[in-house]
Amino acid sequence: MVRTQIQLSEEQAQLLKELSLRHRKSMASLIRQAIDQFIAAGTDNRSGLYRQALAMAGKYSAENPDISVEHDTYLDEDYFS
């Protein structure tokens, strides 16, 4: 890890300390988690988008297990029947 120093407002520091106690995590851990979420939400960050996409892969099931390969066939069948 890389050591860094940041400055927080009094309110930010107090709220972060309360979250830290409530969740039983260090303030540093919560800050790293917030930064990860911020980076993942950025639309210009390709690696963040890839991580989000990978998190979705395999999350849902389909009636037809080959739908990802044969989607055009299934769409043709539905539209032209």
N, C-alpha and C. Protein backbone atom coordinates (compact mmCIF):
# COMPACT_ATOMS: atom_id res chain seq x y z
N MET A 1 0.83 -1.17 0.00
CA MET A 1 0.00 0.00 0.00
C MET A 1 0.88 1.24 0.00
N VAL A 2 0.31 2.30 -0.51
CA VAL A 2 1.00 3.58 -0.56
C VAL A 2 0.44 4.45 0.56
N ARG A 3 1.31 5.00 1.34
CA ARG A 3 0.89 5.87 2.43
C ARG A 3 0.61 7.26 1.87
N THR A 4 -0.52 7.85 2.26
CA THR A 4 -0.87 9.19 1.81
C THR A 4 -1.51 9.95 2.95
N GLN A 5 -1.59 11.23 2.80
CA GLN A 5 -2.16 12.08 3.84
C GLN A 5 -3.27 12.92 3.22
N ILE A 6 -4.42 12.99 3.90
CA ILE A 6 -5.52 13.82 3.42
C ILE A 6 -6.00 14.71 4.56
N GLN A 7 -6.73 15.74 4.20
CA GLN A 7 -7.32 16.62 5.20
C GLN A 7 -8.83 16.53 5.07
N LEU A 8 -9.50 16.33 6.20
CA LEU A 8 -10.95 16.25 6.25
C LEU A 8 -11.48 17.43 7.04
N SER A 9 -12.71 17.81 6.75
CA SER A 9 -13.35 18.82 7.58
C SER A 9 -13.66 18.18 8.93
N GLU A 10 -13.93 19.00 9.91
CA GLU A 10 -14.27 18.48 11.24
C GLU A 10 -15.48 17.54 11.15
N GLU A 11 -16.49 17.97 10.37
CA GLU A 11 -17.71 17.16 10.23
C GLU A 11 -17.41 15.83 9.54
N GLN A 12 -16.62 15.86 8.48
CA GLN A 12 -16.26 14.62 7.79
C GLN A 12 -15.53 13.66 8.73
N ALA A 13 -14.59 14.20 9.48
CA ALA A 13 -13.81 13.36 10.40
C ALA A 13 -14.71 12.75 11.46
N GLN A 14 -15.64 13.53 12.00
CA GLN A 14 -16.53 13.02 13.04
C GLN A 14 -17.46 11.95 12.49
N LEU A 15 -18.05 12.20 11.33
CA LEU A 15 -18.95 11.21 10.72
C LEU A 15 -18.21 9.94 10.35
N LEU A 16 -16.99 10.08 9.84
CA LEU A 16 -16.19 8.92 9.48
C LEU A 16 -15.84 8.11 10.72
N LYS A 17 -15.52 8.78 11.80
CA LYS A 17 -15.19 8.09 13.05
C LYS A 17 -16.41 7.32 13.56
N GLU A 18 -17.59 7.93 13.49
CA GLU A 18 -18.82 7.25 13.91
C GLU A 18 -19.09 6.02 13.05
N LEU A 19 -18.92 6.16 11.72
CA LEU A 19 -19.09 5.01 10.82
C LEU A 19 -18.10 3.91 11.15
N SER A 20 -16.89 4.31 11.44
CA SER A 20 -15.83 3.36 11.77
C SER A 20 -16.21 2.54 13.00
N LEU A 21 -16.71 3.20 14.01
CA LEU A 21 -17.11 2.49 15.22
C LEU A 21 -18.33 1.60 14.97
N ARG A 22 -19.30 2.11 14.23
CA ARG A 22 -20.52 1.36 13.96
C ARG A 22 -20.25 0.10 13.14
N HIS A 23 -19.38 0.22 12.15
CA HIS A 23 -19.10 -0.92 11.26
C HIS A 23 -17.89 -1.74 11.70
N ARG A 24 -17.24 -1.29 12.76
CA ARG A 24 -16.06 -1.99 13.28
C ARG A 24 -14.97 -2.16 12.21
N LYS A 25 -14.75 -1.07 11.49
CA LYS A 25 -13.71 -1.02 10.48
C LYS A 25 -12.87 0.22 10.74
N SER A 26 -11.64 0.19 10.29
CA SER A 26 -10.79 1.36 10.46
C SER A 26 -11.25 2.48 9.54
N MET A 27 -10.91 3.70 9.93
CA MET A 27 -11.24 4.84 9.09
C MET A 27 -10.54 4.70 7.73
N ALA A 28 -9.30 4.23 7.74
CA ALA A 28 -8.55 4.05 6.49
C ALA A 28 -9.25 3.06 5.58
N SER A 29 -9.77 1.98 6.16
CA SER A 29 -10.48 0.98 5.37
C SER A 29 -11.73 1.57 4.73
N LEU A 30 -12.47 2.37 5.49
CA LEU A 30 -13.67 3.01 4.94
C LEU A 30 -13.32 4.00 3.83
N ILE A 31 -12.23 4.72 3.99
CA ILE A 31 -11.80 5.66 2.95
C ILE A 31 -11.40 4.91 1.69
N ARG A 32 -10.66 3.80 1.85
CA ARG A 32 -10.28 3.00 0.67
C ARG A 32 -11.52 2.46 -0.04
N GLN A 33 -12.50 1.99 0.74
CA GLN A 33 -13.74 1.46 0.17
C GLN A 33 -14.47 2.57 -0.60
N ALA A 34 -14.54 3.76 -0.03
CA ALA A 34 -15.21 4.88 -0.71
C ALA A 34 -14.50 5.24 -2.00
N ILE A 35 -13.17 5.22 -1.98
CA ILE A 35 -12.40 5.53 -3.19
C ILE A 35 -12.64 4.46 -4.25
N ASP A 36 -12.68 3.19 -3.85
CA ASP A 36 -12.97 2.11 -4.80
C ASP A 36 -14.33 2.32 -5.46
N GLN A 37 -15.33 2.67 -4.67
CA GLN A 37 -16.67 2.91 -5.22
C GLN A 37 -16.68 4.12 -6.15
N PHE A 38 -15.96 5.16 -5.78
CA PHE A 38 -15.86 6.35 -6.61
C PHE A 38 -15.21 6.04 -7.95
N ILE A 39 -14.14 5.27 -7.91
CA ILE A 39 -13.43 4.91 -9.14
C ILE A 39 -14.30 4.01 -10.02
N ALA A 40 -14.98 3.04 -9.41
CA ALA A 40 -15.83 2.12 -10.17
C ALA A 40 -16.99 2.86 -10.82
N ALA A 41 -17.47 3.93 -10.21
CA ALA A 41 -18.60 4.67 -10.75
C ALA A 41 -18.20 5.60 -11.89
N GLY A 42 -16.91 5.88 -12.04
CA GLY A 42 -16.45 6.79 -13.09
C GLY A 42 -16.63 6.18 -14.46
N THR A 43 -17.25 6.91 -15.38
CA THR A 43 -17.50 6.37 -16.71
C THR A 43 -16.24 6.35 -17.57
N ASP A 44 -15.24 7.14 -17.22
CA ASP A 44 -14.02 7.17 -18.01
C ASP A 44 -13.03 6.09 -17.58
N ASN A 45 -13.36 5.35 -16.56
CA ASN A 45 -12.45 4.36 -16.01
C ASN A 45 -12.80 2.98 -16.55
N ARG A 46 -12.08 2.53 -17.55
CA ARG A 46 -12.37 1.24 -18.17
C ARG A 46 -12.23 0.07 -17.21
N SER A 47 -11.20 0.08 -16.37
CA SER A 47 -11.02 -1.06 -15.46
C SER A 47 -12.17 -1.13 -14.46
N GLY A 48 -12.69 0.00 -14.05
CA GLY A 48 -13.85 0.01 -13.16
C GLY A 48 -15.07 -0.56 -13.85
N LEU A 49 -15.26 -0.20 -15.13
CA LEU A 49 -16.37 -0.74 -15.89
C LEU A 49 -16.23 -2.24 -16.10
N TYR A 50 -15.01 -2.69 -16.35
CA TYR A 50 -14.79 -4.12 -16.52
C TYR A 50 -15.11 -4.88 -15.23
N ARG A 51 -14.71 -4.31 -14.08
CA ARG A 51 -15.01 -4.95 -12.80
C ARG A 51 -16.52 -5.04 -12.57
N GLN A 52 -17.24 -3.96 -12.92
CA GLN A 52 -18.69 -3.99 -12.78
C GLN A 52 -19.31 -5.04 -13.69
N ALA A 53 -18.83 -5.12 -14.92
CA ALA A 53 -19.37 -6.10 -15.87
C ALA A 53 -19.09 -7.53 -15.39
N LEU A 54 -17.88 -7.77 -14.92
CA LEU A 54 -17.55 -9.10 -14.42
C LEU A 54 -18.38 -9.49 -13.21
N ALA A 55 -18.72 -8.52 -12.39
CA ALA A 55 -19.56 -8.80 -11.22
C ALA A 55 -20.95 -9.25 -11.65
N MET A 56 -21.41 -8.81 -12.83
CA MET A 56 -22.74 -9.19 -13.32
C MET A 56 -22.74 -10.53 -14.05
N ALA A 57 -21.59 -10.94 -14.57
CA ALA A 57 -21.51 -12.17 -15.35
C ALA A 57 -21.92 -13.36 -14.50
N GLY A 58 -22.88 -14.11 -15.01
CA GLY A 58 -23.34 -15.31 -14.32
C GLY A 58 -24.30 -15.04 -13.18
N LYS A 59 -24.69 -13.80 -12.99
CA LYS A 59 -25.57 -13.45 -11.87
C LYS A 59 -27.00 -13.92 -12.11
N TYR A 60 -27.42 -13.96 -13.37
CA TYR A 60 -28.79 -14.32 -13.69
C TYR A 60 -28.81 -15.59 -14.54
N SER A 61 -29.91 -16.31 -14.46
CA SER A 61 -30.04 -17.51 -15.28
C SER A 61 -31.11 -17.27 -16.34
N ALA A 62 -31.06 -18.06 -17.41
CA ALA A 62 -32.01 -17.93 -18.50
C ALA A 62 -32.66 -19.28 -18.76
N GLU A 63 -33.84 -19.23 -19.37
CA GLU A 63 -34.55 -20.46 -19.70
C GLU A 63 -33.74 -21.31 -20.68
N ASN A 64 -33.06 -20.63 -21.62
CA ASN A 64 -32.24 -21.32 -22.61
C ASN A 64 -30.77 -21.06 -22.27
N PRO A 65 -30.01 -22.09 -21.95
CA PRO A 65 -28.62 -21.88 -21.53
C PRO A 65 -27.71 -21.34 -22.63
N ASP A 66 -28.13 -21.43 -23.90
CA ASP A 66 -27.28 -20.94 -24.99
C ASP A 66 -27.73 -19.57 -25.50
N ILE A 67 -28.50 -18.86 -24.69
CA ILE A 67 -29.06 -17.58 -25.16
C ILE A 67 -28.00 -16.55 -25.49
N SER A 68 -26.87 -16.60 -24.82
CA SER A 68 -25.82 -15.61 -25.11
C SER A 68 -25.21 -15.84 -26.49
N VAL A 69 -25.28 -17.05 -26.99
CA VAL A 69 -24.73 -17.37 -28.31
C VAL A 69 -25.81 -17.28 -29.38
N GLU A 70 -27.00 -17.75 -29.07
CA GLU A 70 -28.08 -17.85 -30.05
C GLU A 70 -29.14 -16.77 -29.90
N HIS A 71 -28.79 -15.64 -29.33
CA HIS A 71 -29.80 -14.60 -29.08
C HIS A 71 -30.50 -14.14 -30.34
N ASP A 72 -29.78 -14.02 -31.46
CA ASP A 72 -30.41 -13.58 -32.71
C ASP A 72 -31.46 -14.58 -33.18
N THR A 73 -31.16 -15.86 -33.06
CA THR A 73 -32.12 -16.90 -33.46
C THR A 73 -33.39 -16.78 -32.64
N TYR A 74 -33.25 -16.62 -31.33
CA TYR A 74 -34.43 -16.52 -30.46
C TYR A 74 -35.22 -15.25 -30.76
N LEU A 75 -34.54 -14.14 -31.05
CA LEU A 75 -35.25 -12.92 -31.40
C LEU A 75 -36.01 -13.08 -32.72
N ASP A 76 -35.38 -13.71 -33.71
CA ASP A 76 -36.08 -13.97 -34.98
C ASP A 76 -37.31 -14.80 -34.75
N GLU A 77 -37.20 -15.83 -33.94
CA GLU A 77 -38.35 -16.71 -33.67
C GLU A 77 -39.49 -15.93 -33.01
N ASP A 78 -39.15 -15.06 -32.09
CA ASP A 78 -40.18 -14.31 -31.39
C ASP A 78 -40.81 -13.23 -32.27
N TYR A 79 -40.01 -12.53 -33.06
CA TYR A 79 -40.53 -11.45 -33.87
C TYR A 79 -41.31 -11.94 -35.09
N PHE A 80 -40.90 -13.05 -35.66
CA PHE A 80 -41.51 -13.50 -36.91
C PHE A 80 -42.46 -14.67 -36.74
N SER A 81 -42.86 -14.94 -35.52
CA SER A 81 -43.83 -16.04 -35.33
C SER A 81 -45.21 -15.52 -35.08
